[in-house]
């Protein structure tokens, strides 16, 4: 394994460990204890591989850790649509409120 492959494997493992820590903090109160324990074991294996420099094993550990992260945070269908719809609704609400209270044009006739 050359320098660039080791660097890429290290970078991927560090990213997965960071994501695992974030997901653990995010889902700690609602996730099952067994799933959290599996995630902790995967993180520890990733740290051990990084510390020992065992690069041939890094890919399998990264795959395993990715699967454990995915078990705690499954991919949500249509997530992009939900996010964009939420942004559009909030933008419309703000625009309508601004228009109603600040720039609604009125022509008030003068009394004769």
PDB file of N, CA and C in Angstrom:
ATOM      1  N   UNK A   1       0.856  -1.167   0.000  1.00  0.00           N
ATOM      2  CA  UNK A   1       0.000   0.000   0.000  1.00  0.00           C
ATOM      3  C   UNK A   1       0.905   1.233   0.000  1.00  0.00           C
ATOM      4  N   UNK A   2       0.706   2.100  -0.979  1.00  0.00           N
ATOM      5  CA  UNK A   2       1.568   3.273  -1.070  1.00  0.00           C
ATOM      6  C   UNK A   2       1.081   4.386  -0.146  1.00  0.00           C
ATOM      7  N   UNK A   3       1.803   5.472  -0.160  1.00  0.00           N
ATOM      8  CA  UNK A   3       1.523   6.593   0.738  1.00  0.00           C
ATOM      9  C   UNK A   3       0.123   7.155   0.544  1.00  0.00           C
ATOM     10  N   UNK A   4      -0.288   7.326  -0.716  1.00  0.00           N
ATOM     11  CA  UNK A   4      -1.572   7.958  -0.990  1.00  0.00           C
ATOM     12  C   UNK A   4      -2.740   7.064  -0.576  1.00  0.00           C
ATOM     13  N   UNK A   5      -2.596   5.765  -0.749  1.00  0.00           N
ATOM     14  CA  UNK A   5      -3.650   4.844  -0.317  1.00  0.00           C
ATOM     15  C   UNK A   5      -3.765   4.828   1.204  1.00  0.00           C
ATOM     16  N   UNK A   6      -2.625   4.846   1.899  1.00  0.00           N
ATOM     17  CA  UNK A   6      -2.648   4.906   3.368  1.00  0.00           C
ATOM     18  C   UNK A   6      -3.282   6.211   3.841  1.00  0.00           C
ATOM     19  N   UNK A   7      -2.930   7.295   3.170  1.00  0.00           N
ATOM     20  CA  UNK A   7      -3.483   8.595   3.534  1.00  0.00           C
ATOM     21  C   UNK A   7      -5.001   8.606   3.349  1.00  0.00           C
ATOM     22  N   UNK A   8      -5.471   8.042   2.248  1.00  0.00           N
ATOM     23  CA  UNK A   8      -6.908   7.993   1.986  1.00  0.00           C
ATOM     24  C   UNK A   8      -7.616   7.106   3.009  1.00  0.00           C
ATOM     25  N   UNK A   9      -7.030   5.965   3.344  1.00  0.00           N
ATOM     26  CA  UNK A   9      -7.631   5.072   4.335  1.00  0.00           C
ATOM     27  C   UNK A   9      -7.698   5.751   5.700  1.00  0.00           C
ATOM     28  N   UNK A  10      -6.645   6.458   6.062  1.00  0.00           N
ATOM     29  CA  UNK A  10      -6.626   7.179   7.341  1.00  0.00           C
ATOM     30  C   UNK A  10      -7.695   8.266   7.364  1.00  0.00           C
ATOM     31  N   UNK A  11      -7.807   8.987   6.265  1.00  0.00           N
ATOM     32  CA  UNK A  11      -8.778  10.065   6.166  1.00  0.00           C
ATOM     33  C   UNK A  11     -10.206   9.529   6.282  1.00  0.00           C
ATOM     34  N   UNK A  12     -10.490   8.425   5.623  1.00  0.00           N
ATOM     35  CA  UNK A  12     -11.831   7.823   5.683  1.00  0.00           C
ATOM     36  C   UNK A  12     -12.141   7.340   7.090  1.00  0.00           C
ATOM     37  N   UNK A  13     -11.180   6.675   7.717  1.00  0.00           N
ATOM     38  CA  UNK A  13     -11.407   6.188   9.086  1.00  0.00           C
ATOM     39  C   UNK A  13     -11.625   7.336  10.064  1.00  0.00           C
ATOM     40  N   UNK A  14     -10.852   8.383   9.958  1.00  0.00           N
ATOM     41  CA  UNK A  14     -11.040   9.530  10.853  1.00  0.00           C
ATOM     42  C   UNK A  14     -12.411  10.169  10.652  1.00  0.00           C
ATOM     43  N   UNK A  15     -12.836  10.262   9.400  1.00  0.00           N
ATOM     44  CA  UNK A  15     -14.160  10.825   9.117  1.00  0.00           C
ATOM     45  C   UNK A  15     -15.262   9.937   9.700  1.00  0.00           C
ATOM     46  N   UNK A  16     -15.145   8.633   9.537  1.00  0.00           N
ATOM     47  CA  UNK A  16     -16.157   7.726  10.071  1.00  0.00           C
ATOM     48  C   UNK A  16     -16.194   7.754  11.595  1.00  0.00           C
ATOM     49  N   UNK A  17     -15.056   7.870  12.223  1.00  0.00           N
ATOM     50  CA  UNK A  17     -15.023   7.953  13.689  1.00  0.00           C
ATOM     51  C   UNK A  17     -15.697   9.238  14.158  1.00  0.00           C
ATOM     52  N   UNK A  18     -15.435  10.331  13.451  1.00  0.00           N
ATOM     53  CA  UNK A  18     -16.086  11.603  13.794  1.00  0.00           C
ATOM     54  C   UNK A  18     -17.598  11.502  13.607  1.00  0.00           C
ATOM     55  N   UNK A  19     -18.044  10.915  12.509  1.00  0.00           N
ATOM     56  CA  UNK A  19     -19.477  10.741  12.260  1.00  0.00           C
ATOM     57  C   UNK A  19     -20.113   9.840  13.313  1.00  0.00           C
ATOM     58  N   UNK A  20     -19.403   8.790  13.705  1.00  0.00           N
ATOM     59  CA  UNK A  20     -19.930   7.877  14.720  1.00  0.00           C
ATOM     60  C   UNK A  20     -20.113   8.595  16.049  1.00  0.00           C
ATOM     61  N   UNK A  21     -19.153   9.437  16.408  1.00  0.00           N
ATOM     62  CA  UNK A  21     -19.265  10.200  17.646  1.00  0.00           C
ATOM     63  C   UNK A  21     -20.452  11.159  17.581  1.00  0.00           C
ATOM     64  N   UNK A  22     -20.639  11.790  16.443  1.00  0.00           N
ATOM     65  CA  UNK A  22     -21.752  12.719  16.259  1.00  0.00           C
ATOM     66  C   UNK A  22     -23.091  11.980  16.341  1.00  0.00           C
ATOM     67  N   UNK A  23     -23.201  10.861  15.680  1.00  0.00           N
ATOM     68  CA  UNK A  23     -24.455  10.102  15.680  1.00  0.00           C
ATOM     69  C   UNK A  23     -24.731   9.529  17.058  1.00  0.00           C
ATOM     70  N   UNK A  24     -23.701   9.128  17.766  1.00  0.00           N
ATOM     71  CA  UNK A  24     -23.906   8.620  19.124  1.00  0.00           C
ATOM     72  C   UNK A  24     -24.488   9.715  20.010  1.00  0.00           C
ATOM     73  N   UNK A  25     -23.941  10.921  19.914  1.00  0.00           N
ATOM     74  CA  UNK A  25     -24.473  12.032  20.698  1.00  0.00           C
ATOM     75  C   UNK A  25     -25.884  12.402  20.262  1.00  0.00           C
ATOM     76  N   UNK A  26     -26.152  12.273  18.986  1.00  0.00           N
ATOM     77  CA  UNK A  26     -27.444  12.654  18.443  1.00  0.00           C
ATOM     78  C   UNK A  26     -28.543  11.664  18.806  1.00  0.00           C
ATOM     79  N   UNK A  27     -28.242  10.374  18.757  1.00  0.00           N
ATOM     80  CA  UNK A  27     -29.260   9.337  18.922  1.00  0.00           C
ATOM     81  C   UNK A  27     -29.152   8.575  20.241  1.00  0.00           C
ATOM     82  N   UNK A  28     -28.347   9.052  21.155  1.00  0.00           N
ATOM     83  CA  UNK A  28     -28.068   8.332  22.399  1.00  0.00           C
ATOM     84  C   UNK A  28     -29.326   8.068  23.220  1.00  0.00           C
ATOM     85  N   UNK A  29     -30.260   8.982  23.217  1.00  0.00           N
ATOM     86  CA  UNK A  29     -31.436   8.832  24.064  1.00  0.00           C
ATOM     87  C   UNK A  29     -32.517   7.949  23.449  1.00  0.00           C
ATOM     88  N   UNK A  30     -32.519   7.751  22.141  1.00  0.00           N
ATOM     89  CA  UNK A  30     -33.583   6.976  21.505  1.00  0.00           C
ATOM     90  C   UNK A  30     -33.114   5.650  20.915  1.00  0.00           C
ATOM     91  N   UNK A  31     -31.827   5.465  20.755  1.00  0.00           N
ATOM     92  CA  UNK A  31     -31.307   4.240  20.143  1.00  0.00           C
ATOM     93  C   UNK A  31     -31.228   3.121  21.174  1.00  0.00           C
ATOM     94  N   UNK A  32     -31.215   1.903  20.664  1.00  0.00           N
ATOM     95  CA  UNK A  32     -31.071   0.738  21.542  1.00  0.00           C
ATOM     96  C   UNK A  32     -29.649   0.682  22.096  1.00  0.00           C
ATOM     97  N   UNK A  33     -29.538   0.170  23.301  1.00  0.00           N
ATOM     98  CA  UNK A  33     -28.226   0.091  23.951  1.00  0.00           C
ATOM     99  C   UNK A  33     -27.294  -0.846  23.198  1.00  0.00           C
ATOM    100  N   UNK A  34     -27.840  -1.897  22.610  1.00  0.00           N
ATOM    101  CA  UNK A  34     -27.012  -2.855  21.870  1.00  0.00           C
ATOM    102  C   UNK A  34     -26.397  -2.184  20.644  1.00  0.00           C
ATOM    103  N   UNK A  35     -27.189  -1.393  19.928  1.00  0.00           N
ATOM    104  CA  UNK A  35     -26.680  -0.710  18.741  1.00  0.00           C
ATOM    105  C   UNK A  35     -25.602   0.299  19.119  1.00  0.00           C
ATOM    106  N   UNK A  36     -25.786   1.000  20.238  1.00  0.00           N
ATOM    107  CA  UNK A  36     -24.769   1.949  20.687  1.00  0.00           C
ATOM    108  C   UNK A  36     -23.489   1.232  21.097  1.00  0.00           C
ATOM    109  N   UNK A  37     -23.634   0.071  21.733  1.00  0.00           N
ATOM    110  CA  UNK A  37     -22.455  -0.705  22.132  1.00  0.00           C
ATOM    111  C   UNK A  37     -21.698  -1.192  20.895  1.00  0.00           C
ATOM    112  N   UNK A  38     -22.431  -1.626  19.874  1.00  0.00           N
ATOM    113  CA  UNK A  38     -21.784  -2.058  18.627  1.00  0.00           C
ATOM    114  C   UNK A  38     -21.052  -0.892  17.974  1.00  0.00           C
ATOM    115  N   UNK A  39     -21.657   0.270  18.018  1.00  0.00           N
ATOM    116  CA  UNK A  39     -21.008   1.453  17.451  1.00  0.00           C
ATOM    117  C   UNK A  39     -19.723   1.778  18.211  1.00  0.00           C
ATOM    118  N   UNK A  40     -19.768   1.685  19.530  1.00  0.00           N
ATOM    119  CA  UNK A  40     -18.571   1.945  20.332  1.00  0.00           C
ATOM    120  C   UNK A  40     -17.455   0.947  20.017  1.00  0.00           C
ATOM    121  N   UNK A  41     -17.831  -0.313  19.822  1.00  0.00           N
ATOM    122  CA  UNK A  41     -16.836  -1.337  19.477  1.00  0.00           C
ATOM    123  C   UNK A  41     -16.223  -1.022  18.115  1.00  0.00           C
ATOM    124  N   UNK A  42     -17.049  -0.617  17.159  1.00  0.00           N
ATOM    125  CA  UNK A  42     -16.533  -0.260  15.838  1.00  0.00           C
ATOM    126  C   UNK A  42     -15.598   0.927  15.886  1.00  0.00           C
ATOM    127  N   UNK A  43     -15.946   1.927  16.691  1.00  0.00           N
ATOM    128  CA  UNK A  43     -15.079   3.102  16.838  1.00  0.00           C
ATOM    129  C   UNK A  43     -13.749   2.697  17.466  1.00  0.00           C
ATOM    130  N   UNK A  44     -13.800   1.855  18.472  1.00  0.00           N
ATOM    131  CA  UNK A  44     -12.567   1.415  19.125  1.00  0.00           C
ATOM    132  C   UNK A  44     -11.684   0.619  18.166  1.00  0.00           C
ATOM    133  N   UNK A  45     -12.307  -0.235  17.348  1.00  0.00           N
ATOM    134  CA  UNK A  45     -11.524  -0.984  16.351  1.00  0.00           C
ATOM    135  C   UNK A  45     -10.882  -0.037  15.350  1.00  0.00           C
ATOM    136  N   UNK A  46     -11.620   1.014  14.951  1.00  0.00           N
ATOM    137  CA  UNK A  46     -11.055   1.992  14.027  1.00  0.00           C
ATOM    138  C   UNK A  46      -9.874   2.729  14.642  1.00  0.00           C
ATOM    139  N   UNK A  47     -10.002   3.108  15.904  1.00  0.00           N
ATOM    140  CA  UNK A  47      -8.887   3.783  16.583  1.00  0.00           C
ATOM    141  C   UNK A  47      -7.683   2.860  16.729  1.00  0.00           C
ATOM    142  N   UNK A  48      -7.951   1.573  17.013  1.00  0.00           N
ATOM    143  CA  UNK A  48      -6.856   0.604  17.132  1.00  0.00           C
ATOM    144  C   UNK A  48      -6.109   0.444  15.807  1.00  0.00           C
ATOM    145  N   UNK A  49      -6.854   0.392  14.713  1.00  0.00           N
ATOM    146  CA  UNK A  49      -6.229   0.263  13.395  1.00  0.00           C
ATOM    147  C   UNK A  49      -5.395   1.502  13.099  1.00  0.00           C
ATOM    148  N   UNK A  50      -5.907   2.675  13.418  1.00  0.00           N
ATOM    149  CA  UNK A  50      -5.140   3.905  13.190  1.00  0.00           C
ATOM    150  C   UNK A  50      -3.881   3.950  14.035  1.00  0.00           C
ATOM    151  N   UNK A  51      -4.015   3.539  15.288  1.00  0.00           N
ATOM    152  CA  UNK A  51      -2.865   3.583  16.194  1.00  0.00           C
ATOM    153  C   UNK A  51      -1.786   2.595  15.785  1.00  0.00           C
ATOM    154  N   UNK A  52      -2.212   1.389  15.367  1.00  0.00           N
ATOM    155  CA  UNK A  52      -1.251   0.357  14.996  1.00  0.00           C
ATOM    156  C   UNK A  52      -0.718   0.547  13.578  1.00  0.00           C
ATOM    157  N   UNK A  53      -1.439   1.304  12.763  1.00  0.00           N
ATOM    158  CA  UNK A  53      -1.018   1.479  11.376  1.00  0.00           C
ATOM    159  C   UNK A  53      -1.247   0.240  10.543  1.00  0.00           C
ATOM    160  N   UNK A  54      -2.260  -0.530  10.887  1.00  0.00           N
ATOM    161  CA  UNK A  54      -2.580  -1.772  10.183  1.00  0.00           C
ATOM    162  C   UNK A  54      -3.467  -1.432   8.971  1.00  0.00           C
ATOM    163  N   UNK A  55      -2.843  -0.940   7.902  1.00  0.00           N
ATOM    164  CA  UNK A  55      -3.581  -0.399   6.764  1.00  0.00           C
ATOM    165  C   UNK A  55      -4.316  -1.444   5.941  1.00  0.00           C
ATOM    166  N   UNK A  56      -3.831  -2.678   5.814  1.00  0.00           N
ATOM    167  CA  UNK A  56      -4.622  -3.662   5.057  1.00  0.00           C
ATOM    168  C   UNK A  56      -5.984  -3.958   5.707  1.00  0.00           C
ATOM    169  N   UNK A  57      -6.074  -3.797   7.001  1.00  0.00           N
ATOM    170  CA  UNK A  57      -7.320  -4.064   7.706  1.00  0.00           C
ATOM    171  C   UNK A  57      -8.230  -2.831   7.749  1.00  0.00           C
ATOM    172  N   UNK A  58      -7.731  -1.699   7.349  1.00  0.00           N
ATOM    173  CA  UNK A  58      -8.469  -0.437   7.473  1.00  0.00           C
ATOM    174  C   UNK A  58      -9.755  -0.440   6.649  1.00  0.00           C
ATOM    175  N   UNK A  59      -9.719  -1.013   5.461  1.00  0.00           N
ATOM    176  CA  UNK A  59     -10.906  -1.001   4.605  1.00  0.00           C
ATOM    177  C   UNK A  59     -12.040  -1.821   5.210  1.00  0.00           C
ATOM    178  N   UNK A  60     -11.727  -2.980   5.756  1.00  0.00           N
ATOM    179  CA  UNK A  60     -12.783  -3.800   6.356  1.00  0.00           C
ATOM    180  C   UNK A  60     -13.353  -3.141   7.608  1.00  0.00           C
ATOM    181  N   UNK A  61     -12.501  -2.504   8.398  1.00  0.00           N
ATOM    182  CA  UNK A  61     -12.973  -1.810   9.596  1.00  0.00           C
ATOM    183  C   UNK A  61     -13.838  -0.613   9.205  1.00  0.00           C
ATOM    184  N   UNK A  62     -13.449   0.098   8.159  1.00  0.00           N
ATOM    185  CA  UNK A  62     -14.233   1.246   7.701  1.00  0.00           C
ATOM    186  C   UNK A  62     -15.600   0.794   7.186  1.00  0.00           C
ATOM    187  N   UNK A  63     -15.643  -0.311   6.466  1.00  0.00           N
ATOM    188  CA  UNK A  63     -16.917  -0.842   5.974  1.00  0.00           C
ATOM    189  C   UNK A  63     -17.821  -1.247   7.129  1.00  0.00           C
ATOM    190  N   UNK A  64     -17.240  -1.905   8.106  1.00  0.00           N
ATOM    191  CA  UNK A  64     -18.007  -2.339   9.277  1.00  0.00           C
ATOM    192  C   UNK A  64     -18.535  -1.140  10.068  1.00  0.00           C
ATOM    193  N   UNK A  65     -17.700  -0.143  10.272  1.00  0.00           N
ATOM    194  CA  UNK A  65     -18.120   1.046  11.006  1.00  0.00           C
ATOM    195  C   UNK A  65     -19.198   1.802  10.233  1.00  0.00           C
ATOM    196  N   UNK A  66     -19.075   1.875   8.928  1.00  0.00           N
ATOM    197  CA  UNK A  66     -20.102   2.510   8.105  1.00  0.00           C
ATOM    198  C   UNK A  66     -21.440   1.800   8.217  1.00  0.00           C
ATOM    199  N   UNK A  67     -21.414   0.478   8.273  1.00  0.00           N
ATOM    200  CA  UNK A  67     -22.658  -0.283   8.426  1.00  0.00           C
ATOM    201  C   UNK A  67     -23.280  -0.036   9.789  1.00  0.00           C
ATOM    202  N   UNK A  68     -22.470   0.081  10.816  1.00  0.00           N
ATOM    203  CA  UNK A  68     -23.002   0.343  12.157  1.00  0.00           C
ATOM    204  C   UNK A  68     -23.577   1.751  12.258  1.00  0.00           C
ATOM    205  N   UNK A  69     -22.970   2.705  11.584  1.00  0.00           N
ATOM    206  CA  UNK A  69     -23.514   4.056  11.545  1.00  0.00           C
ATOM    207  C   UNK A  69     -24.843   4.051  10.809  1.00  0.00           C
ATOM    208  N   UNK A  70     -24.901   3.343   9.686  1.00  0.00           N
ATOM    209  CA  UNK A  70     -26.130   3.269   8.893  1.00  0.00           C
ATOM    210  C   UNK A  70     -27.256   2.597   9.667  1.00  0.00           C
ATOM    211  N   UNK A  71     -26.927   1.664  10.556  1.00  0.00           N
ATOM    212  CA  UNK A  71     -27.952   0.998  11.359  1.00  0.00           C
ATOM    213  C   UNK A  71     -28.609   1.978  12.334  1.00  0.00           C
ATOM    214  N   UNK A  72     -27.836   2.931  12.824  1.00  0.00           N
ATOM    215  CA  UNK A  72     -28.396   3.924  13.745  1.00  0.00           C
ATOM    216  C   UNK A  72     -29.080   5.080  13.023  1.00  0.00           C
ATOM    217  N   UNK A  73     -28.617   5.414  11.847  1.00  0.00           N
ATOM    218  CA  UNK A  73     -29.189   6.521  11.079  1.00  0.00           C
ATOM    219  C   UNK A  73     -29.510   6.046   9.669  1.00  0.00           C
ATOM    220  N   UNK A  74     -30.620   5.339   9.501  1.00  0.00           N
ATOM    221  CA  UNK A  74     -30.949   4.872   8.148  1.00  0.00           C
ATOM    222  C   UNK A  74     -31.265   6.050   7.233  1.00  0.00           C
ATOM    223  N   UNK A  75     -31.039   5.839   5.955  1.00  0.00           N
ATOM    224  CA  UNK A  75     -31.291   6.889   4.984  1.00  0.00           C
ATOM    225  C   UNK A  75     -32.792   7.110   4.850  1.00  0.00           C
ATOM    226  N   UNK A  76     -33.180   8.353   4.876  1.00  0.00           N
ATOM    227  CA  UNK A  76     -34.596   8.687   4.789  1.00  0.00           C
ATOM    228  C   UNK A  76     -34.977   8.910   3.336  1.00  0.00           C
ATOM    229  N   UNK A  77     -36.092   8.314   2.909  1.00  0.00           N
ATOM    230  CA  UNK A  77     -36.504   8.524   1.527  1.00  0.00           C
ATOM    231  C   UNK A  77     -37.031   9.945   1.329  1.00  0.00           C
ATOM    232  N   UNK A  78     -36.748  10.502   0.187  1.00  0.00           N
ATOM    233  CA  UNK A  78     -37.213  11.821  -0.197  1.00  0.00           C
ATOM    234  C   UNK A  78     -36.719  12.919   0.749  1.00  0.00           C
ATOM    235  N   UNK A  79     -35.578  12.766   1.364  1.00  0.00           N
ATOM    236  CA  UNK A  79     -35.066  13.764   2.292  1.00  0.00           C
ATOM    237  C   UNK A  79     -34.818  15.096   1.584  1.00  0.00           C
ATOM    238  N   UNK A  80     -34.317  15.060   0.379  1.00  0.00           N
ATOM    239  CA  UNK A  80     -34.030  16.298  -0.353  1.00  0.00           C
ATOM    240  C   UNK A  80     -35.322  17.073  -0.629  1.00  0.00           C
ATOM    241  N   UNK A  81     -36.401  16.347  -0.913  1.00  0.00           N
ATOM    242  CA  UNK A  81     -37.671  17.020  -1.185  1.00  0.00           C
ATOM    243  C   UNK A  81     -38.220  17.667   0.081  1.00  0.00           C
ATOM    244  N   UNK A  82     -38.133  16.963   1.195  1.00  0.00           N
ATOM    245  CA  UNK A  82     -38.602  17.519   2.466  1.00  0.00           C
ATOM    246  C   UNK A  82     -37.842  18.784   2.836  1.00  0.00           C
ATOM    247  N   UNK A  83     -36.525  18.752   2.695  1.00  0.00           N
ATOM    248  CA  UNK A  83     -35.714  19.912   3.046  1.00  0.00           C
ATOM    249  C   UNK A  83     -36.045  21.108   2.163  1.00  0.00           C
ATOM    250  N   UNK A  84     -36.141  20.880   0.862  1.00  0.00           N
ATOM    251  CA  UNK A  84     -36.444  21.986  -0.051  1.00  0.00           C
ATOM    252  C   UNK A  84     -37.846  22.519   0.174  1.00  0.00           C
ATOM    253  N   UNK A  85     -38.805  21.653   0.437  1.00  0.00           N
ATOM    254  CA  UNK A  85     -40.170  22.088   0.702  1.00  0.00           C
ATOM    255  C   UNK A  85     -40.237  22.927   1.978  1.00  0.00           C
ATOM    256  N   UNK A  86     -39.496  22.519   2.992  1.00  0.00           N
ATOM    257  CA  UNK A  86     -39.463  23.285   4.239  1.00  0.00           C
ATOM    258  C   UNK A  86     -38.888  24.678   4.012  1.00  0.00           C
ATOM    259  N   UNK A  87     -37.830  24.765   3.235  1.00  0.00           N
ATOM    260  CA  UNK A  87     -37.218  26.065   2.949  1.00  0.00           C
ATOM    261  C   UNK A  87     -38.187  26.956   2.184  1.00  0.00           C
ATOM    262  N   UNK A  88     -38.874  26.393   1.214  1.00  0.00           N
ATOM    263  CA  UNK A  88     -39.827  27.175   0.417  1.00  0.00           C
ATOM    264  C   UNK A  88     -40.976  27.674   1.289  1.00  0.00           C
ATOM    265  N   UNK A  89     -41.512  26.824   2.152  1.00  0.00           N
ATOM    266  CA  UNK A  89     -42.633  27.222   3.014  1.00  0.00           C
ATOM    267  C   UNK A  89     -42.214  28.345   3.960  1.00  0.00           C
ATOM    268  N   UNK A  90     -41.066  28.219   4.564  1.00  0.00           N
ATOM    269  CA  UNK A  90     -40.589  29.260   5.482  1.00  0.00           C
ATOM    270  C   UNK A  90     -40.333  30.564   4.730  1.00  0.00           C
ATOM    271  N   UNK A  91     -39.740  30.480   3.543  1.00  0.00           N
ATOM    272  CA  UNK A  91     -39.478  31.694   2.767  1.00  0.00           C
ATOM    273  C   UNK A  91     -40.785  32.383   2.373  1.00  0.00           C
ATOM    274  N   UNK A  92     -41.769  31.615   1.977  1.00  0.00           N
ATOM    275  CA  UNK A  92     -43.066  32.202   1.634  1.00  0.00           C
ATOM    276  C   UNK A  92     -43.730  32.844   2.847  1.00  0.00           C
ATOM    277  N   UNK A  93     -43.656  32.192   3.988  1.00  0.00           N
ATOM    278  CA  UNK A  93     -44.256  32.748   5.199  1.00  0.00           C
ATOM    279  C   UNK A  93     -43.592  34.068   5.583  1.00  0.00           C
ATOM    280  N   UNK A  94     -42.297  34.114   5.510  1.00  0.00           N
ATOM    281  CA  UNK A  94     -41.577  35.352   5.842  1.00  0.00           C
ATOM    282  C   UNK A  94     -41.910  36.444   4.834  1.00  0.00           C
ATOM    283  N   UNK A  95     -41.972  36.106   3.557  1.00  0.00           N
ATOM    284  CA  UNK A  95     -42.283  37.099   2.530  1.00  0.00           C
ATOM    285  C   UNK A  95     -43.699  37.640   2.702  1.00  0.00           C
ATOM    286  N   UNK A  96     -44.646  36.769   2.992  1.00  0.00           N
ATOM    287  CA  UNK A  96     -46.028  37.226   3.180  1.00  0.00           C
ATOM    288  C   UNK A  96     -46.164  38.097   4.430  1.00  0.00           C
ATOM    289  N   UNK A  97     -45.487  37.723   5.494  1.00  0.00           N
ATOM    290  CA  UNK A  97     -45.539  38.529   6.717  1.00  0.00           C
ATOM    291  C   UNK A  97     -44.908  39.897   6.477  1.00  0.00           C
ATOM    292  N   UNK A  98     -43.789  39.936   5.802  1.00  0.00           N
ATOM    293  CA  UNK A  98     -43.116  41.198   5.507  1.00  0.00           C
ATOM    294  C   UNK A  98     -43.997  42.071   4.625  1.00  0.00           C
ATOM    295  N   UNK A  99     -44.589  41.460   3.627  1.00  0.00           N
ATOM    296  CA  UNK A  99     -45.455  42.219   2.711  1.00  0.00           C
ATOM    297  C   UNK A  99     -46.684  42.753   3.442  1.00  0.00           C
ATOM    298  N   UNK A 100     -47.262  41.946   4.318  1.00  0.00           N
ATOM    299  CA  UNK A 100     -48.472  42.344   5.022  1.00  0.00           C
ATOM    300  C   UNK A 100     -48.224  43.520   5.963  1.00  0.00           C
ATOM    301  N   UNK A 101     -47.131  43.492   6.670  1.00  0.00           N
ATOM    302  CA  UNK A 101     -46.915  44.501   7.705  1.00  0.00           C
ATOM    303  C   UNK A 101     -46.075  45.693   7.273  1.00  0.00           C
ATOM    304  N   UNK A 102     -45.315  45.594   6.204  1.00  0.00           N
ATOM    305  CA  UNK A 102     -44.403  46.678   5.865  1.00  0.00           C
ATOM    306  C   UNK A 102     -44.619  47.312   4.496  1.00  0.00           C
ATOM    307  N   UNK A 103     -44.848  46.563   3.472  1.00  0.00           N
ATOM    308  CA  UNK A 103     -44.860  47.171   2.147  1.00  0.00           C
ATOM    309  C   UNK A 103     -46.155  46.929   1.375  1.00  0.00           C
ATOM    310  N   UNK A 104     -47.237  46.664   2.042  1.00  0.00           N
ATOM    311  CA  UNK A 104     -48.510  46.480   1.365  1.00  0.00           C
ATOM    312  C   UNK A 104     -48.969  47.846   0.842  1.00  0.00           C
ATOM    313  N   UNK A 105     -49.073  48.020  -0.465  1.00  0.00           N
ATOM    314  CA  UNK A 105     -49.451  49.336  -0.997  1.00  0.00           C
ATOM    315  C   UNK A 105     -50.963  49.565  -0.879  1.00  0.00           C
ATOM    316  N   UNK A 106     -51.323  50.690  -0.358  1.00  0.00           N
ATOM    317  CA  UNK A 106     -52.728  51.080  -0.249  1.00  0.00           C
ATOM    318  C   UNK A 106     -52.888  52.481  -0.830  1.00  0.00           C
ATOM    319  N   UNK A 107     -54.026  52.683  -1.471  1.00  0.00           N
ATOM    320  CA  UNK A 107     -54.352  54.028  -1.927  1.00  0.00           C
ATOM    321  C   UNK A 107     -55.573  54.477  -1.095  1.00  0.00           C
ATOM    322  N   UNK A 108     -55.346  55.475  -0.309  1.00  0.00           N
ATOM    323  CA  UNK A 108     -56.414  55.965   0.569  1.00  0.00           C
ATOM    324  C   UNK A 108     -57.016  57.201  -0.097  1.00  0.00           C
ATOM    325  N   UNK A 109     -58.291  57.144  -0.466  1.00  0.00           N
ATOM    326  CA  UNK A 109     -58.890  58.293  -1.149  1.00  0.00           C
ATOM    327  C   UNK A 109     -59.104  59.458  -0.179  1.00  0.00           C
ATOM    328  N   UNK A 110     -58.989  60.653  -0.724  1.00  0.00           N
ATOM    329  CA  UNK A 110     -59.214  61.857   0.076  1.00  0.00           C
ATOM    330  C   UNK A 110     -60.713  62.118   0.153  1.00  0.00           C
ATOM    331  N   UNK A 111     -61.135  62.582   1.272  1.00  0.00           N
ATOM    332  CA  UNK A 111     -62.549  62.941   1.347  1.00  0.00           C
ATOM    333  C   UNK A 111     -62.829  64.198   0.515  1.00  0.00           C
ATOM    334  N   UNK A 112     -64.031  64.298  -0.068  1.00  0.00           N
ATOM    335  CA  UNK A 112     -64.319  65.471  -0.914  1.00  0.00           C
ATOM    336  C   UNK A 112     -64.517  66.759  -0.145  1.00  0.00           C
TER     337      UNK A 112
END
